[in-house]
C-alpha atoms as a PDB file:
ATOM      1  CA  MET A   1     -40.029  24.599  10.131  1.00  0.00           C
ATOM      2  CA  SER A   2     -39.541  21.498   8.013  1.00  0.00           C
ATOM      3  CA  PRO A   3     -42.541  19.776   6.419  1.00  0.00           C
ATOM      4  CA  GLY A   4     -44.239  17.231   8.605  1.00  0.00           C
ATOM      5  CA  ALA A   5     -42.951  18.643  11.911  1.00  0.00           C
ATOM      6  CA  ASP A   6     -45.511  19.258  14.755  1.00  0.00           C
ATOM      7  CA  LEU A   7     -46.109  22.863  15.837  1.00  0.00           C
ATOM      8  CA  PHE A   8     -46.653  21.908  19.487  1.00  0.00           C
ATOM      9  CA  ILE A   9     -47.391  19.035  21.820  1.00  0.00           C
ATOM     10  CA  VAL A  10     -49.650  18.839  24.885  1.00  0.00           C
ATOM     11  CA  CYS A  11     -48.175  18.145  28.313  1.00  0.00           C
ATOM     12  CA  LYS A  12     -49.979  15.130  29.775  1.00  0.00           C
ATOM     13  CA  HIS A  13     -49.488  16.430  33.318  1.00  0.00           C
ATOM     14  CA  CYS A  14     -50.801  20.010  33.127  1.00  0.00           C
ATOM     15  CA  GLY A  15     -52.383  20.109  29.642  1.00  0.00           C
ATOM     16  CA  SER A  16     -50.311  23.059  28.421  1.00  0.00           C
ATOM     17  CA  GLU A  17     -49.201  23.437  24.808  1.00  0.00           C
ATOM     18  CA  VAL A  18     -45.406  23.391  24.651  1.00  0.00           C
ATOM     19  CA  SER A  19     -42.713  23.199  21.995  1.00  0.00           C
ATOM     20  CA  PRO A  20     -41.973  19.737  20.582  1.00  0.00           C
ATOM     21  CA  TYR A  21     -38.221  20.377  20.882  1.00  0.00           C
ATOM     22  CA  ILE A  22     -37.942  20.438  24.689  1.00  0.00           C
ATOM     23  CA  THR A  23     -37.582  17.649  27.223  1.00  0.00           C
ATOM     24  CA  GLU A  24     -39.398  19.222  30.231  1.00  0.00           C
ATOM     25  CA  CYS A  25     -42.619  21.237  30.497  1.00  0.00           C
ATOM     26  CA  PRO A  26     -41.781  24.877  31.357  1.00  0.00           C
ATOM     27  CA  TYR A  27     -45.062  25.250  33.309  1.00  0.00           C
ATOM     28  CA  CYS A  28     -45.134  22.227  35.603  1.00  0.00           C
ATOM     29  CA  GLY A  29     -41.648  20.762  35.186  1.00  0.00           C
ATOM     30  CA  HIS A  30     -42.956  17.371  34.069  1.00  0.00           C
ATOM     31  CA  ARG A  31     -40.458  15.396  31.981  1.00  0.00           C
ATOM     32  CA  LEU A  32     -41.798  14.903  28.467  1.00  0.00           C
ATOM     33  CA  ARG A  33     -39.028  12.731  26.941  1.00  0.00           C
ATOM     34  CA  ARG A  34     -35.540  11.591  27.727  1.00  0.00           C
ATOM     35  CA  ARG A  35     -33.807  13.294  24.802  1.00  0.00           C
ATOM     36  CA  ALA A  36     -34.631  16.331  22.727  1.00  0.00           C
ATOM     37  CA  PRO A  37     -35.465  15.456  19.084  1.00  0.00           C
ATOM     38  CA  LYS A  38     -32.861  16.214  16.439  1.00  0.00           C
ATOM     39  CA  LEU A  39     -33.424  19.501  14.615  1.00  0.00           C
ATOM     40  CA  PRO A  40     -33.414  18.983  10.822  1.00  0.00           C
ATOM     41  CA  ARG A  41     -30.911  21.104   8.938  1.00  0.00           C
ATOM     42  CA  GLU A  42     -31.862  23.419   6.159  1.00  0.00           C
ATOM     43  CA  GLY A  43     -32.321  21.502   2.914  1.00  0.00           C
ATOM     44  CA  GLU A  44     -32.232  18.136   4.682  1.00  0.00           C
ATOM     45  CA  PRO A  45     -35.284  15.904   4.161  1.00  0.00           C
ATOM     46  CA  ALA A  46     -37.444  15.500   7.241  1.00  0.00           C
ATOM     47  CA  PRO A  47     -37.196  12.144   9.001  1.00  0.00           C
ATOM     48  CA  SER A  48     -39.836   9.623   8.069  1.00  0.00           C
ATOM     49  CA  ARG A  49     -42.664   8.994  10.514  1.00  0.00           C
ATOM     50  CA  ARG A  50     -42.480   5.809  12.466  1.00  0.00           C
ATOM     51  CA  GLY A  51     -45.294   3.557  13.504  1.00  0.00           C
ATOM     52  CA  VAL A  52     -48.309   2.228  11.658  1.00  0.00           C
ATOM     53  CA  LEU A  53     -49.050   5.393   9.658  1.00  0.00           C
ATOM     54  CA  GLY A  54     -45.474   5.661   8.466  1.00  0.00           C
ATOM     55  CA  ARG A  55     -45.460   2.073   7.274  1.00  0.00           C
ATOM     56  CA  LEU A  56     -48.817   2.305   5.475  1.00  0.00           C
ATOM     57  CA  GLY A  57     -47.758   4.914   2.929  1.00  0.00           C
ATOM     58  CA  ALA A  58     -46.344   8.329   2.220  1.00  0.00           C
ATOM     59  CA  ARG A  59     -47.419  11.507   4.038  1.00  0.00           C
ATOM     60  CA  SER A  60     -50.449  13.382   2.802  1.00  0.00           C
ATOM     61  CA  GLY A  61     -49.815  16.936   1.570  1.00  0.00           C
ATOM     62  CA  ALA A  62     -51.806  20.049   2.326  1.00  0.00           C
ATOM     63  CA  ASP A  63     -54.117  19.469  -0.667  1.00  0.00           C
ATOM     64  CA  GLY A  64     -54.905  15.905   0.361  1.00  0.00           C
ATOM     65  CA  GLU A  65     -52.712  14.269  -2.277  1.00  0.00           C
ATOM     66  CA  ARG A  66     -50.010  11.894  -1.285  1.00  0.00           C
ATOM     67  CA  GLU A  67     -46.471  13.046  -1.733  1.00  0.00           C
ATOM     68  CA  ALA A  68     -44.072  10.723  -3.463  1.00  0.00           C
ATOM     69  CA  PRO A  69     -41.357   9.407  -1.139  1.00  0.00           C
ATOM     70  CA  ARG A  70     -38.125  11.294  -1.471  1.00  0.00           C
ATOM     71  CA  PRO A  71     -35.251   9.246  -2.837  1.00  0.00           C
ATOM     72  CA  ALA A  72     -32.404   8.608  -0.471  1.00  0.00           C
ATOM     73  CA  PRO A  73     -29.324  10.701  -1.187  1.00  0.00           C
ATOM     74  CA  GLU A  74     -26.715   8.833  -3.188  1.00  0.00           C
ATOM     75  CA  ARG A  75     -23.657   7.833  -1.274  1.00  0.00           C
ATOM     76  CA  THR A  76     -20.423   8.715  -2.928  1.00  0.00           C
ATOM     77  CA  ARG A  77     -18.048   5.808  -3.123  1.00  0.00           C
ATOM     78  CA  ARG A  78     -14.732   6.792  -1.685  1.00  0.00           C
ATOM     79  CA  ARG A  79     -11.514   5.023  -2.366  1.00  0.00           C
ATOM     80  CA  ARG A  80      -9.925   3.700   0.750  1.00  0.00           C
ATOM     81  CA  PRO A  81      -6.391   5.046   1.089  1.00  0.00           C
ATOM     82  CA  SER A  82      -3.643   2.469   0.889  1.00  0.00           C
ATOM     83  CA  LEU A  83      -1.524   1.969   3.953  1.00  0.00           C
ATOM     84  CA  PRO A  84       2.225   1.975   4.007  1.00  0.00           C
ATOM     85  CA  PHE A  85       3.812  -1.336   2.920  1.00  0.00           C
ATOM     86  CA  THR A  86       0.515  -2.631   1.635  1.00  0.00           C
ATOM     87  CA  GLY A  87      -0.585  -3.846  -1.755  1.00  0.00           C
ATOM     88  CA  ALA A  88      -3.682  -5.072  -3.456  1.00  0.00           C
ATOM     89  CA  VAL A  89      -5.233  -7.973  -1.595  1.00  0.00           C
ATOM     90  CA  GLY A  90      -5.750 -11.155  -3.595  1.00  0.00           C
ATOM     91  CA  VAL A  91      -3.125 -10.540  -6.310  1.00  0.00           C
ATOM     92  CA  ARG A  92      -0.303 -13.054  -6.127  1.00  0.00           C
ATOM     93  CA  PRO A  93       3.172 -11.665  -6.865  1.00  0.00           C
ATOM     94  CA  TYR A  94       4.334 -14.443  -9.166  1.00  0.00           C
ATOM     95  CA  ALA A  95       7.601 -12.763 -10.172  1.00  0.00           C
ATOM     96  CA  THR A  96       8.595 -12.122  -6.561  1.00  0.00           C
ATOM     97  CA  ILE A  97       7.693 -15.673  -5.576  1.00  0.00           C
ATOM     98  CA  ALA A  98       9.789 -17.006  -8.453  1.00  0.00           C
ATOM     99  CA  LEU A  99      12.840 -14.973  -7.404  1.00  0.00           C
ATOM    100  CA  ILE A 100      12.563 -16.162  -3.798  1.00  0.00           C
ATOM    101  CA  ALA A 101      12.010 -19.776  -4.829  1.00  0.00           C
ATOM    102  CA  VAL A 102      14.988 -19.883  -7.211  1.00  0.00           C
ATOM    103  CA  SER A 103      17.229 -18.320  -4.560  1.00  0.00           C
ATOM    104  CA  CYS A 104      16.131 -20.868  -1.959  1.00  0.00           C
ATOM    105  CA  VAL A 105      16.754 -23.761  -4.347  1.00  0.00           C
ATOM    106  CA  ALA A 106      20.204 -22.393  -5.203  1.00  0.00           C
ATOM    107  CA  TRP A 107      20.971 -22.024  -1.486  1.00  0.00           C
ATOM    108  CA  VAL A 108      20.078 -25.667  -0.817  1.00  0.00           C
ATOM    109  CA  LEU A 109      22.130 -26.906  -3.780  1.00  0.00           C
ATOM    110  CA  LEU A 110      25.173 -24.900  -2.712  1.00  0.00           C
ATOM    111  CA  ARG A 111      24.963 -25.974   0.927  1.00  0.00           C
ATOM    112  CA  ALA A 112      24.533 -29.624  -0.082  1.00  0.00           C
ATOM    113  CA  ASP A 113      27.575 -29.428  -2.398  1.00  0.00           C
ATOM    114  CA  TYR A 114      25.545 -30.388  -5.446  1.00  0.00           C
ATOM    115  CA  ILE A 115      27.031 -27.299  -7.143  1.00  0.00           C
ATOM    116  CA  ARG A 116      30.554 -26.022  -6.685  1.00  0.00           C
ATOM    117  CA  VAL A 117      30.731 -22.619  -5.057  1.00  0.00           C
ATOM    118  CA  ASP A 118      32.726 -21.045  -7.883  1.00  0.00           C
ATOM    119  CA  ARG A 119      30.267 -22.129 -10.600  1.00  0.00           C
ATOM    120  CA  PRO A 120      27.253 -19.783 -10.099  1.00  0.00           C
ATOM    121  CA  ILE A 121      28.968 -16.735  -8.547  1.00  0.00           C
ATOM    122  CA  ILE A 122      31.409 -14.121  -9.856  1.00  0.00           C
ATOM    123  CA  LEU A 123      34.880 -14.551  -8.377  1.00  0.00           C
ATOM    124  CA  GLY A 124      37.243 -12.758 -10.705  1.00  0.00           C
ATOM    125  CA  PRO A 125      36.912 -12.257 -14.469  1.00  0.00           C
ATOM    126  CA  LEU A 126      34.146 -14.081 -16.289  1.00  0.00           C
ATOM    127  CA  HIS A 127      36.316 -15.727 -18.995  1.00  0.00           C
ATOM    128  CA  GLY A 128      33.270 -16.140 -21.203  1.00  0.00           C
ATOM    129  CA  ASP A 129      30.888 -17.364 -18.487  1.00  0.00           C
ATOM    130  CA  TRP A 130      28.375 -14.584 -19.099  1.00  0.00           C
ATOM    131  CA  TRP A 131      25.548 -16.580 -17.549  1.00  0.00           C
ATOM    132  CA  LYS A 132      27.134 -15.842 -14.164  1.00  0.00           C
ATOM    133  CA  LEU A 133      25.744 -12.303 -14.463  1.00  0.00           C
ATOM    134  CA  LEU A 134      22.322 -13.841 -13.769  1.00  0.00           C
ATOM    135  CA  SER A 135      23.174 -16.833 -11.581  1.00  0.00           C
ATOM    136  CA  THR A 136      25.195 -14.812  -9.097  1.00  0.00           C
ATOM    137  CA  GLN A 137      22.091 -12.759  -8.224  1.00  0.00           C
ATOM    138  CA  VAL A 138      20.304 -15.787  -6.758  1.00  0.00           C
ATOM    139  CA  SER A 139      23.354 -17.371  -5.096  1.00  0.00           C
ATOM    140  CA  TYR A 140      24.431 -16.708  -1.503  1.00  0.00           C
ATOM    141  CA  LEU A 141      27.278 -17.905   0.689  1.00  0.00           C
ATOM    142  CA  ASP A 142      26.109 -16.521   4.043  1.00  0.00           C
ATOM    143  CA  GLY A 143      22.788 -17.322   5.687  1.00  0.00           C
ATOM    144  CA  TRP A 144      22.125 -13.920   7.289  1.00  0.00           C
ATOM    145  CA  TYR A 145      22.995 -12.085   4.097  1.00  0.00           C
ATOM    146  CA  ALA A 146      20.622 -14.344   2.172  1.00  0.00           C
ATOM    147  CA  PHE A 147      17.804 -14.014   4.724  1.00  0.00           C
ATOM    148  CA  PHE A 148      17.854 -10.221   4.898  1.00  0.00           C
ATOM    149  CA  THR A 149      18.249  -9.731   1.156  1.00  0.00           C
ATOM    150  CA  LEU A 150      15.416 -12.138   0.324  1.00  0.00           C
ATOM    151  CA  LEU A 151      13.220 -10.430   2.916  1.00  0.00           C
ATOM    152  CA  VAL A 152      13.749  -7.058   1.234  1.00  0.00           C
ATOM    153  CA  ILE A 153      13.119  -8.603  -2.194  1.00  0.00           C
ATOM    154  CA  ALA A 154       9.906 -10.198  -0.925  1.00  0.00           C
ATOM    155  CA  ILE A 155       8.547  -6.935   0.527  1.00  0.00           C
ATOM    156  CA  PHE A 156       9.391  -4.463  -2.207  1.00  0.00           C
ATOM    157  CA  GLY A 157       9.078  -6.920  -5.076  1.00  0.00           C
ATOM    158  CA  TRP A 158       5.523  -7.618  -3.933  1.00  0.00           C
ATOM    159  CA  LEU A 159       4.681  -3.930  -3.518  1.00  0.00           C
ATOM    160  CA  LEU A 160       6.128  -2.990  -6.885  1.00  0.00           C
ATOM    161  CA  GLU A 161       4.425  -5.911  -8.605  1.00  0.00           C
ATOM    162  CA  GLN A 162       1.012  -4.660  -7.432  1.00  0.00           C
ATOM    163  CA  ARG A 163       1.686  -1.379  -9.217  1.00  0.00           C
ATOM    164  CA  HIS A 164       3.280  -2.436 -12.477  1.00  0.00           C
ATOM    165  CA  GLY A 165       3.037  -6.207 -12.841  1.00  0.00           C
ATOM    166  CA  PRO A 166       5.560  -9.069 -12.796  1.00  0.00           C
ATOM    167  CA  ALA A 167       7.438  -8.140 -15.991  1.00  0.00           C
ATOM    168  CA  VAL A 168       8.656  -4.860 -14.491  1.00  0.00           C
ATOM    169  CA  VAL A 169       9.860  -6.582 -11.322  1.00  0.00           C
ATOM    170  CA  LEU A 170      11.793  -9.258 -13.183  1.00  0.00           C
ATOM    171  CA  ALA A 171      13.298  -6.826 -15.685  1.00  0.00           C
ATOM    172  CA  LEU A 172      14.295  -4.347 -12.997  1.00  0.00           C
ATOM    173  CA  PHE A 173      15.791  -6.937 -10.628  1.00  0.00           C
ATOM    174  CA  LEU A 174      17.785  -8.798 -13.259  1.00  0.00           C
ATOM    175  CA  GLY A 175      18.724  -5.689 -15.232  1.00  0.00           C
ATOM    176  CA  ALA A 176      19.990  -3.818 -12.178  1.00  0.00           C
ATOM    177  CA  GLY A 177      21.929  -6.887 -11.035  1.00  0.00           C
ATOM    178  CA  VAL A 178      23.581  -7.333 -14.431  1.00  0.00           C
ATOM    179  CA  ALA A 179      24.465  -3.646 -14.666  1.00  0.00           C
ATOM    180  CA  GLY A 180      25.928  -3.622 -11.151  1.00  0.00           C
ATOM    181  CA  ALA A 181      28.000  -6.719 -11.864  1.00  0.00           C
ATOM    182  CA  LEU A 182      29.341  -5.265 -15.135  1.00  0.00           C
ATOM    183  CA  VAL A 183      30.389  -2.066 -13.364  1.00  0.00           C
ATOM    184  CA  ALA A 184      32.171  -4.101 -10.675  1.00  0.00           C
ATOM    185  CA  LEU A 185      33.904  -6.186 -13.361  1.00  0.00           C
ATOM    186  CA  ALA A 186      35.110  -3.003 -15.048  1.00  0.00           C
ATOM    187  CA  ALA A 187      36.222  -1.305 -11.824  1.00  0.00           C
ATOM    188  CA  TYR A 188      38.166  -4.125 -10.102  1.00  0.00           C
ATOM    189  CA  PRO A 189      40.864  -6.456 -11.449  1.00  0.00           C
ATOM    190  CA  LEU A 190      39.514  -9.259  -9.203  1.00  0.00           C
ATOM    191  CA  PRO A 191      35.790  -8.516  -8.745  1.00  0.00           C
ATOM    192  CA  VAL A 192      33.608 -10.410  -6.271  1.00  0.00           C
ATOM    193  CA  VAL A 193      29.851 -10.146  -6.819  1.00  0.00           C
ATOM    194  CA  VAL A 194      27.560 -12.489  -4.888  1.00  0.00           C
ATOM    195  CA  GLY A 195      23.882 -12.169  -4.046  1.00  0.00           C
ATOM    196  CA  GLY A 196      21.024  -9.919  -5.065  1.00  0.00           C
ATOM    197  CA  ASN A 197      21.816  -6.745  -3.140  1.00  0.00           C
ATOM    198  CA  ALA A 198      21.860  -4.705  -6.362  1.00  0.00           C
ATOM    199  CA  GLY A 199      18.419  -5.980  -7.395  1.00  0.00           C
ATOM    200  CA  ALA A 200      17.030  -5.506  -3.888  1.00  0.00           C
ATOM    201  CA  LEU A 201      18.189  -1.887  -3.770  1.00  0.00           C
ATOM    202  CA  ALA A 202      16.715  -1.349  -7.235  1.00  0.00           C
ATOM    203  CA  LEU A 203      13.309  -2.569  -6.019  1.00  0.00           C
ATOM    204  CA  ILE A 204      13.440  -0.307  -2.956  1.00  0.00           C
ATOM    205  CA  ALA A 205      14.392   2.745  -5.004  1.00  0.00           C
ATOM    206  CA  ALA A 206      11.805   2.087  -7.713  1.00  0.00           C
ATOM    207  CA  TRP A 207       9.030   1.710  -5.142  1.00  0.00           C
ATOM    208  CA  ALA A 208      10.013   4.827  -3.188  1.00  0.00           C
ATOM    209  CA  ALA A 209      10.666   7.047  -6.222  1.00  0.00           C
ATOM    210  CA  PRO A 210       7.047   8.319  -6.657  1.00  0.00           C
ATOM    211  CA  ASP A 211       6.789   9.179  -2.952  1.00  0.00           C
ATOM    212  CA  LEU A 212      10.160  10.928  -3.050  1.00  0.00           C
ATOM    213  CA  ARG A 213       8.907  13.008  -5.964  1.00  0.00           C
ATOM    214  CA  ASP A 214       5.708  13.902  -4.079  1.00  0.00           C
ATOM    215  CA  ALA A 215       7.632  14.760  -0.924  1.00  0.00           C
ATOM    216  CA  ARG A 216       9.986  17.014  -2.876  1.00  0.00           C
ATOM    217  CA  SER A 217       7.055  18.889  -4.442  1.00  0.00           C
ATOM    218  CA  GLY A 218       5.236  19.211  -1.111  1.00  0.00           C
ATOM    219  CA  HIS A 219       2.371  16.873  -2.030  1.00  0.00           C
ATOM    220  CA  TYR A 220       0.834  14.182   0.153  1.00  0.00           C
ATOM    221  CA  TYR A 221       2.349  10.696  -0.087  1.00  0.00           C
ATOM    222  CA  GLU A 222       1.230   7.450   1.537  1.00  0.00           C
ATOM    223  CA  GLY A 223       4.386   5.349   1.550  1.00  0.00           C
ATOM    224  CA  ASP A 224       6.715   4.848   4.501  1.00  0.00           C
ATOM    225  CA  LEU A 225       9.847   6.544   3.215  1.00  0.00           C
ATOM    226  CA  LEU A 226      11.543   6.327   6.610  1.00  0.00           C
ATOM    227  CA  GLY A 227      11.192   2.542   6.722  1.00  0.00           C
ATOM    228  CA  ALA A 228      12.297   2.170   3.118  1.00  0.00           C
ATOM    229  CA  GLY A 229      15.316   4.389   3.762  1.00  0.00           C
ATOM    230  CA  ALA A 230      16.312   2.363   6.823  1.00  0.00           C
ATOM    231  CA  LEU A 231      16.185  -0.903   4.873  1.00  0.00           C
ATOM    232  CA  ALA A 232      18.149   0.636   2.006  1.00  0.00           C
ATOM    233  CA  ALA A 233      20.818   1.848   4.442  1.00  0.00           C
ATOM    234  CA  LEU A 234      21.148  -1.650   5.884  1.00  0.00           C
ATOM    235  CA  MET A 235      21.468  -3.100   2.393  1.00  0.00           C
ATOM    236  CA  LEU A 236      24.245  -0.636   1.610  1.00  0.00           C
ATOM    237  CA  ALA A 237      26.009  -1.541   4.874  1.00  0.00           C
ATOM    238  CA  ILE A 238      25.988  -5.311   4.218  1.00  0.00           C
ATOM    239  CA  PRO A 239      29.189  -5.272   2.059  1.00  0.00           C
ATOM    240  CA  PHE A 240      31.142  -3.948   5.044  1.00  0.00           C
ATOM    241  CA  ALA A 241      30.189  -7.116   6.981  1.00  0.00           C
ATOM    242  CA  ARG A 242      30.105  -9.571   4.073  1.00  0.00           C
ATOM    243  CA  PRO A 243      32.858  -8.876   1.512  1.00  0.00           C
ATOM    244  CA  GLU A 244      31.214 -11.069  -1.151  1.00  0.00           C
ATOM    245  CA  ALA A 245      28.435  -8.476  -1.450  1.00  0.00           C
ATOM    246  CA  SER A 246      29.646  -5.720  -3.775  1.00  0.00           C
ATOM    247  CA  TRP A 247      28.824  -2.217  -2.546  1.00  0.00           C
ATOM    248  CA  LEU A 248      29.508  -0.789  -6.000  1.00  0.00           C
ATOM    249  CA  ALA A 249      26.964  -3.142  -7.572  1.00  0.00           C
ATOM    250  CA  GLY A 250      24.451  -2.146  -4.889  1.00  0.00           C
ATOM    251  CA  VAL A 251      24.895   1.573  -5.528  1.00  0.00           C
ATOM    252  CA  VAL A 252      24.513   1.059  -9.268  1.00  0.00           C
ATOM    253  CA  GLY A 253      21.379  -1.021  -8.717  1.00  0.00           C
ATOM    254  CA  GLY A 254      19.839   1.608  -6.452  1.00  0.00           C
ATOM    255  CA  ALA A 255      20.529   4.369  -8.974  1.00  0.00           C
ATOM    256  CA  ILE A 256      18.939   2.351 -11.779  1.00  0.00           C
ATOM    257  CA  GLY A 257      15.900   1.616  -9.636  1.00  0.00           C
ATOM    258  CA  LEU A 258      15.477   5.298  -8.820  1.00  0.00           C
ATOM    259  CA  LEU A 259      15.617   6.313 -12.476  1.00  0.00           C
ATOM    260  CA  VAL A 260      13.193   3.571 -13.509  1.00  0.00           C
ATOM    261  CA  GLY A 261      10.801   4.403 -10.664  1.00  0.00           C
ATOM    262  CA  LEU A 262      10.685   8.070 -11.641  1.00  0.00           C
ATOM    263  CA  GLY A 263       9.908   7.139 -15.238  1.00  0.00           C
ATOM    264  CA  LEU A 264       7.179   4.593 -14.505  1.00  0.00           C
ATOM    265  CA  PRO A 265       3.567   5.833 -14.409  1.00  0.00           C
ATOM    266  CA  ARG A 266       1.999   5.826 -10.985  1.00  0.00           C
ATOM    267  CA  SER A 267      -0.962   3.489 -11.388  1.00  0.00           C
ATOM    268  CA  ASP A 268      -1.606   1.462  -8.248  1.00  0.00           C
ATOM    269  CA  ARG A 269      -3.788  -1.564  -8.797  1.00  0.00           C
ATOM    270  CA  VAL A 270      -6.738  -1.715  -6.440  1.00  0.00           C
ATOM    271  CA  ARG A 271      -9.010  -4.701  -6.314  1.00  0.00           C
ATOM    272  CA  THR A 272     -12.616  -3.920  -5.409  1.00  0.00           C
END
């Protein structure tokens, strides 16, 4: 019996002494209470008395001295698990926003004929125009290709930026795009590289790499690998519908993103 619990109560109908943990009197059948009181578990502090006496002070012990109130058990603070395709709330992905904004500005300038189409993109050998390795990644000729690629960049650039910051996102996107374009220039006599499919695939692979490693080792992972794989498959299929998107550059970008993602430490930022 826990301290402070009553040994018995008196039935108001028949005057019999009955257990305090029943709802009906076993002698007369009179209903004592609507619900049976909760039985305290072993080692659990007894519930505090309610009413005037409970509010005046602590219980009195057997020797007449007041017992000090028991401190409430400390609540352990648990970290809320992150959901798939979610990041830290309140952190703005500046690098991802910059990539989307520059691509949108380049799209408007190209559509308005303020810039010639052959100036920012790779159509054939570079002939010394090495800056095209960067400008072609933010230039698009087709609206649907641009919309889907920028959507993937926005999602996975944001997610990856919450983990490792804006510098990693910019370096990975631009580095994978440059590497993919150089491989396409070396593989084809007349290469065509337009858009950021290589950088987008690099962001997908880098984000999914830790979860792929956990899945391979049989550990729990929180990311949506099925959704990421579906988007990556669509990115790889875009060159078959839009010939200006180089599939070779995309494969190279995805491979670089996978290697970088496996080498990066897994340290998700969580804002409390």
